Amino acid sequence: MMFNEFFVKGMACLGAGIAMIAGLGPGIGQGIAASKGAEGVSRNPDAASKIQSIMVLGIALAETTGIYALVIAILLIFVKG
């Protein structure tokens, strides 16, 4: 079954939109990590540097999911769209 070019472009844009839904997860995760980090520092101010370094590492790992989703969306739009 052959698809015309408009169908392929439409499906590529739809896929890019669905891929960007994955940006919600890192945003929520980073917000939770920042709140728990602030809570940890408020409970134990002496461990602030250790808590901050672990929190920044966790946020960086969470951000990679959003970046991968953005790369996939850009590829779908500019290569297939």
N, C-alpha and C. Protein backbone atom coordinates (compact mmCIF):
# COMPACT_ATOMS: atom_id res chain seq x y z
N MET A 1 0.85 -1.17 0.00
CA MET A 1 0.00 0.00 0.00
C MET A 1 0.89 1.24 0.00
N MET A 2 0.64 2.13 -0.91
CA MET A 2 1.45 3.34 -1.05
C MET A 2 0.77 4.51 -0.34
N PHE A 3 1.57 5.29 0.37
CA PHE A 3 1.06 6.49 1.02
C PHE A 3 1.56 7.71 0.26
N ASN A 4 0.72 8.72 0.15
CA ASN A 4 1.17 9.92 -0.53
C ASN A 4 2.02 10.76 0.41
N GLU A 5 2.65 11.78 -0.13
CA GLU A 5 3.60 12.59 0.65
C GLU A 5 2.92 13.37 1.77
N PHE A 6 1.67 13.75 1.59
CA PHE A 6 0.97 14.51 2.62
C PHE A 6 0.69 13.65 3.85
N PHE A 7 0.36 12.39 3.61
CA PHE A 7 0.12 11.47 4.72
C PHE A 7 1.41 11.25 5.52
N VAL A 8 2.50 11.09 4.82
CA VAL A 8 3.79 10.86 5.49
C VAL A 8 4.20 12.09 6.29
N LYS A 9 4.02 13.28 5.72
CA LYS A 9 4.35 14.51 6.44
C LYS A 9 3.47 14.68 7.66
N GLY A 10 2.19 14.38 7.51
CA GLY A 10 1.27 14.49 8.63
C GLY A 10 1.61 13.54 9.75
N MET A 11 1.95 12.31 9.41
CA MET A 11 2.31 11.33 10.43
C MET A 11 3.64 11.68 11.09
N ALA A 12 4.57 12.28 10.33
CA ALA A 12 5.84 12.71 10.92
C ALA A 12 5.61 13.83 11.92
N CYS A 13 4.74 14.78 11.60
CA CYS A 13 4.44 15.87 12.53
C CYS A 13 3.68 15.35 13.75
N LEU A 14 2.79 14.40 13.55
CA LEU A 14 2.08 13.79 14.68
C LEU A 14 3.05 13.05 15.58
N GLY A 15 3.98 12.33 14.99
CA GLY A 15 4.99 11.63 15.78
C GLY A 15 5.89 12.59 16.53
N ALA A 16 6.21 13.73 15.92
CA ALA A 16 7.02 14.73 16.60
C ALA A 16 6.27 15.31 17.80
N GLY A 17 4.99 15.53 17.64
CA GLY A 17 4.19 16.02 18.76
C GLY A 17 4.11 15.02 19.89
N ILE A 18 3.94 13.76 19.55
CA ILE A 18 3.89 12.71 20.56
C ILE A 18 5.24 12.57 21.25
N ALA A 19 6.32 12.73 20.49
CA ALA A 19 7.65 12.65 21.10
C ALA A 19 7.88 13.77 22.09
N MET A 20 7.31 14.93 21.84
CA MET A 20 7.51 16.06 22.74
C MET A 20 6.68 15.93 24.02
N ILE A 21 5.71 15.03 24.04
CA ILE A 21 4.99 14.75 25.28
C ILE A 21 5.97 14.19 26.31
N ALA A 22 7.03 13.57 25.83
CA ALA A 22 8.05 13.04 26.74
C ALA A 22 8.76 14.14 27.51
N GLY A 23 8.58 15.39 27.12
CA GLY A 23 9.16 16.51 27.86
C GLY A 23 8.48 16.75 29.19
N LEU A 24 7.30 16.20 29.39
CA LEU A 24 6.61 16.37 30.66
C LEU A 24 7.31 15.62 31.79
N GLY A 25 7.79 14.45 31.49
CA GLY A 25 8.44 13.63 32.52
C GLY A 25 9.66 14.28 33.15
N PRO A 26 10.61 14.75 32.34
CA PRO A 26 11.78 15.41 32.94
C PRO A 26 11.42 16.67 33.71
N GLY A 27 10.43 17.42 33.24
CA GLY A 27 10.03 18.62 33.96
C GLY A 27 9.48 18.30 35.34
N ILE A 28 8.64 17.30 35.41
CA ILE A 28 8.09 16.88 36.71
C ILE A 28 9.19 16.31 37.59
N GLY A 29 10.05 15.49 37.00
CA GLY A 29 11.14 14.89 37.78
C GLY A 29 12.12 15.91 38.33
N GLN A 30 12.43 16.92 37.53
CA GLN A 30 13.35 17.96 38.01
C GLN A 30 12.72 18.79 39.11
N GLY A 31 11.42 19.04 38.99
CA GLY A 31 10.74 19.77 40.05
C GLY A 31 10.72 19.01 41.36
N ILE A 32 10.48 17.71 41.28
CA ILE A 32 10.48 16.88 42.49
C ILE A 32 11.89 16.81 43.08
N ALA A 33 12.90 16.66 42.22
CA ALA A 33 14.28 16.59 42.71
C ALA A 33 14.69 17.89 43.39
N ALA A 34 14.32 19.02 42.81
CA ALA A 34 14.68 20.30 43.41
C ALA A 34 13.97 20.50 44.75
N SER A 35 12.70 20.09 44.82
CA SER A 35 11.97 20.26 46.08
C SER A 35 12.54 19.35 47.16
N LYS A 36 12.88 18.13 46.81
CA LYS A 36 13.45 17.22 47.80
C LYS A 36 14.86 17.67 48.21
N GLY A 37 15.60 18.24 47.27
CA GLY A 37 16.92 18.77 47.62
C GLY A 37 16.83 19.94 48.58
N ALA A 38 15.88 20.84 48.32
CA ALA A 38 15.68 21.97 49.23
C ALA A 38 15.21 21.49 50.60
N GLU A 39 14.36 20.48 50.61
CA GLU A 39 13.89 19.91 51.87
C GLU A 39 15.04 19.27 52.64
N GLY A 40 15.91 18.57 51.93
CA GLY A 40 17.06 17.94 52.58
C GLY A 40 18.03 18.96 53.15
N VAL A 41 18.25 20.04 52.42
CA VAL A 41 19.16 21.08 52.91
C VAL A 41 18.55 21.78 54.13
N SER A 42 17.23 21.97 54.11
CA SER A 42 16.61 22.63 55.26
C SER A 42 16.66 21.75 56.51
N ARG A 43 16.65 20.45 56.33
CA ARG A 43 16.73 19.55 57.48
C ARG A 43 18.16 19.38 57.98
N ASN A 44 19.12 19.43 57.05
CA ASN A 44 20.51 19.21 57.43
C ASN A 44 21.41 20.19 56.65
N PRO A 45 21.56 21.41 57.13
CA PRO A 45 22.34 22.41 56.39
C PRO A 45 23.82 22.05 56.25
N ASP A 46 24.34 21.22 57.13
CA ASP A 46 25.76 20.85 57.04
C ASP A 46 26.06 20.00 55.80
N ALA A 47 25.06 19.28 55.30
CA ALA A 47 25.26 18.41 54.14
C ALA A 47 24.81 19.07 52.84
N ALA A 48 24.74 20.39 52.81
CA ALA A 48 24.21 21.10 51.65
C ALA A 48 25.02 20.84 50.38
N SER A 49 26.34 20.82 50.49
CA SER A 49 27.16 20.64 49.27
C SER A 49 26.99 19.24 48.70
N LYS A 50 26.90 18.24 49.56
CA LYS A 50 26.72 16.86 49.09
C LYS A 50 25.34 16.67 48.48
N ILE A 51 24.32 17.23 49.13
CA ILE A 51 22.96 17.13 48.60
C ILE A 51 22.86 17.84 47.26
N GLN A 52 23.49 19.01 47.15
CA GLN A 52 23.42 19.77 45.92
C GLN A 52 24.09 19.04 44.77
N SER A 53 25.24 18.42 45.01
CA SER A 53 25.93 17.72 43.92
C SER A 53 25.14 16.51 43.45
N ILE A 54 24.53 15.78 44.36
CA ILE A 54 23.72 14.62 43.97
C ILE A 54 22.47 15.08 43.22
N MET A 55 21.87 16.18 43.68
CA MET A 55 20.67 16.70 43.04
C MET A 55 20.97 17.17 41.62
N VAL A 56 22.08 17.85 41.42
CA VAL A 56 22.44 18.33 40.09
C VAL A 56 22.70 17.15 39.15
N LEU A 57 23.33 16.11 39.63
CA LEU A 57 23.56 14.91 38.81
C LEU A 57 22.23 14.26 38.43
N GLY A 58 21.32 14.16 39.36
CA GLY A 58 20.01 13.58 39.07
C GLY A 58 19.22 14.41 38.07
N ILE A 59 19.27 15.72 38.21
CA ILE A 59 18.57 16.60 37.28
C ILE A 59 19.17 16.49 35.88
N ALA A 60 20.48 16.39 35.80
CA ALA A 60 21.14 16.24 34.49
C ALA A 60 20.74 14.94 33.82
N LEU A 61 20.65 13.87 34.59
CA LEU A 61 20.22 12.59 34.02
C LEU A 61 18.76 12.64 33.58
N ALA A 62 17.93 13.34 34.32
CA ALA A 62 16.52 13.46 33.94
C ALA A 62 16.38 14.31 32.67
N GLU A 63 17.23 15.29 32.51
CA GLU A 63 17.14 16.19 31.36
C GLU A 63 17.47 15.48 30.05
N THR A 64 18.29 14.43 30.10
CA THR A 64 18.66 13.74 28.86
C THR A 64 17.44 13.16 28.16
N THR A 65 16.44 12.73 28.91
CA THR A 65 15.23 12.20 28.28
C THR A 65 14.54 13.27 27.46
N GLY A 66 14.43 14.47 27.99
CA GLY A 66 13.82 15.56 27.25
C GLY A 66 14.63 15.95 26.02
N ILE A 67 15.94 15.91 26.15
CA ILE A 67 16.79 16.25 25.00
C ILE A 67 16.66 15.20 23.91
N TYR A 68 16.61 13.92 24.28
CA TYR A 68 16.42 12.87 23.28
C TYR A 68 15.08 13.03 22.57
N ALA A 69 14.04 13.36 23.31
CA ALA A 69 12.73 13.57 22.69
C ALA A 69 12.77 14.75 21.72
N LEU A 70 13.45 15.82 22.09
CA LEU A 70 13.58 16.97 21.21
C LEU A 70 14.34 16.62 19.93
N VAL A 71 15.40 15.85 20.06
CA VAL A 71 16.18 15.44 18.88
C VAL A 71 15.32 14.59 17.95
N ILE A 72 14.57 13.65 18.50
CA ILE A 72 13.69 12.81 17.68
C ILE A 72 12.64 13.65 16.98
N ALA A 73 12.04 14.61 17.71
CA ALA A 73 11.03 15.47 17.10
C ALA A 73 11.62 16.31 15.97
N ILE A 74 12.80 16.86 16.17
CA ILE A 74 13.44 17.66 15.12
C ILE A 74 13.77 16.79 13.91
N LEU A 75 14.25 15.59 14.14
CA LEU A 75 14.53 14.69 13.02
C LEU A 75 13.26 14.34 12.25
N LEU A 76 12.18 14.07 12.97
CA LEU A 76 10.92 13.73 12.29
C LEU A 76 10.42 14.90 11.45
N ILE A 77 10.54 16.10 11.98
CA ILE A 77 10.00 17.25 11.25
C ILE A 77 10.86 17.59 10.03
N PHE A 78 12.18 17.62 10.22
CA PHE A 78 13.03 18.08 9.12
C PHE A 78 13.47 17.00 8.16
N VAL A 79 13.43 15.74 8.56
CA VAL A 79 13.82 14.68 7.63
C VAL A 79 12.60 14.14 6.89
N LYS A 80 11.55 13.83 7.64
CA LYS A 80 10.35 13.28 6.99
C LYS A 80 9.29 14.33 6.68
N GLY A 81 9.27 15.41 7.45
CA GLY A 81 8.22 16.43 7.29
C GLY A 81 8.55 17.40 6.26
